Amino acid sequence: MSFMEQVNRRAGEAILRAIRNQIRQNKPPETRETFDRLLGEGYSKDEAYRLIGCVLSAEIYDMMEEQRVFDEPLYVKRLQALPKLPWEACPDESAGD
């Protein structure tokens, strides 16, 4: 396994742990709500974790890119938009750009 494959695997494991912690601690509660909603819509557990992971990864990327703290309202908004992915711009997010 190459170095980058190891990094990607570890990053994925860390994202999954973070999501499981959010669900277990119910913080924010919208993570659990989104997980349950996605299961109810027919997504598998793995796919629901992957979709939520996309939102968390996008938030982490934005935090680093914009040098800002975690934006929980934006994170929740993006969770609620799933299965639409964060990089599929929401109309009100791109307004004014």
Protein backbone atom coordinates (compact mmCIF):
# COMPACT_ATOMS: atom_id res chain seq x y z
CA MET A 1 0.00 0.00 0.00
CA SER A 2 1.41 3.39 -0.97
CA PHE A 3 1.84 6.23 1.47
CA MET A 4 -1.12 8.16 0.02
CA GLU A 5 -3.33 5.08 0.20
CA GLN A 6 -2.42 4.76 3.89
CA VAL A 7 -3.19 8.44 4.46
CA ASN A 8 -6.52 8.17 2.66
CA ARG A 9 -7.46 5.04 4.61
CA ARG A 10 -6.59 6.68 7.93
CA ALA A 11 -8.46 9.85 7.03
CA GLY A 12 -11.52 7.80 6.10
CA GLU A 13 -11.33 5.90 9.38
CA ALA A 14 -11.07 9.19 11.32
CA ILE A 15 -14.11 10.62 9.50
CA LEU A 16 -16.11 7.47 10.25
CA ARG A 17 -15.12 7.61 13.94
CA ALA A 18 -16.17 11.26 14.10
CA ILE A 19 -19.58 10.48 12.58
CA ARG A 20 -20.13 7.56 14.95
CA ASN A 21 -19.21 9.82 17.89
CA GLN A 22 -21.66 12.49 16.68
CA ILE A 23 -24.41 9.87 16.50
CA ARG A 24 -23.55 8.30 19.86
CA GLN A 25 -23.32 11.67 21.64
CA ASN A 26 -26.28 13.10 19.70
CA LYS A 27 -24.21 16.20 18.95
CA PRO A 28 -25.38 17.61 16.71
CA PRO A 29 -28.68 15.71 16.79
CA GLU A 30 -29.09 16.31 13.06
CA THR A 31 -26.36 13.76 12.35
CA ARG A 32 -28.47 10.98 13.88
CA GLU A 33 -31.61 12.37 12.25
CA THR A 34 -29.90 12.40 8.86
CA PHE A 35 -28.52 8.90 9.32
CA ASP A 36 -31.97 7.57 10.23
CA ARG A 37 -33.60 9.49 7.36
CA LEU A 38 -31.15 8.08 4.82
CA LEU A 39 -31.76 4.54 6.10
CA GLY A 40 -35.50 5.18 5.81
CA GLU A 41 -34.99 6.33 2.22
CA GLY A 42 -33.39 2.97 1.40
CA TYR A 43 -29.69 3.76 1.69
CA SER A 44 -27.51 1.12 3.34
CA LYS A 45 -25.64 1.95 6.56
CA ASP A 46 -22.38 2.13 4.63
CA GLU A 47 -23.86 4.50 2.07
CA ALA A 48 -25.43 6.68 4.79
CA TYR A 49 -22.05 6.92 6.55
CA ARG A 50 -20.39 7.73 3.21
CA LEU A 51 -22.85 10.52 2.44
CA ILE A 52 -22.53 12.05 5.91
CA GLY A 53 -18.76 11.65 5.56
CA CYS A 54 -18.89 13.75 2.40
CA VAL A 55 -20.54 16.55 4.37
CA LEU A 56 -18.04 16.30 7.22
CA SER A 57 -15.11 16.17 4.80
CA ALA A 58 -16.41 19.24 2.97
CA GLU A 59 -16.71 21.10 6.28
CA ILE A 60 -13.17 20.15 7.29
CA TYR A 61 -11.89 21.25 3.89
CA ASP A 62 -13.74 24.57 4.14
CA MET A 63 -12.39 25.14 7.67
CA MET A 64 -8.84 24.71 6.44
CA GLU A 65 -9.33 26.64 3.21
CA GLU A 66 -11.09 29.58 4.90
CA GLN A 67 -9.10 29.34 8.16
CA ARG A 68 -12.25 29.33 10.26
CA VAL A 69 -13.88 27.32 13.02
CA PHE A 70 -16.50 24.61 12.57
CA ASP A 71 -19.73 26.11 11.20
CA GLU A 72 -22.42 23.96 12.78
CA PRO A 73 -25.40 25.72 11.11
CA LEU A 74 -23.81 25.17 7.67
CA TYR A 75 -22.94 21.57 8.57
CA VAL A 76 -26.55 20.93 9.61
CA LYS A 77 -27.87 22.60 6.46
CA ARG A 78 -25.67 20.35 4.35
CA LEU A 79 -26.76 17.26 6.29
CA GLN A 80 -30.38 18.16 5.68
CA ALA A 81 -29.69 18.55 1.96
CA LEU A 82 -28.38 14.98 1.61
CA PRO A 83 -28.33 13.00 -0.62
CA LYS A 84 -27.43 16.20 -2.50
CA LEU A 85 -23.69 16.58 -1.95
CA PRO A 86 -22.11 19.77 -0.58
CA TRP A 87 -20.22 20.51 -3.78
CA GLU A 88 -23.52 20.51 -5.68
CA ALA A 89 -24.02 24.19 -4.78
CA CYS A 90 -27.12 25.18 -2.89
CA PRO A 91 -28.75 28.24 -4.50
CA ASP A 92 -28.56 30.38 -1.35
CA GLU A 93 -24.92 29.39 -0.67
CA SER A 94 -23.77 30.71 -4.04
CA ALA A 95 -25.95 33.84 -3.98
CA GLY A 96 -23.90 36.98 -4.00
CA ASP A 97 -20.74 35.33 -5.35
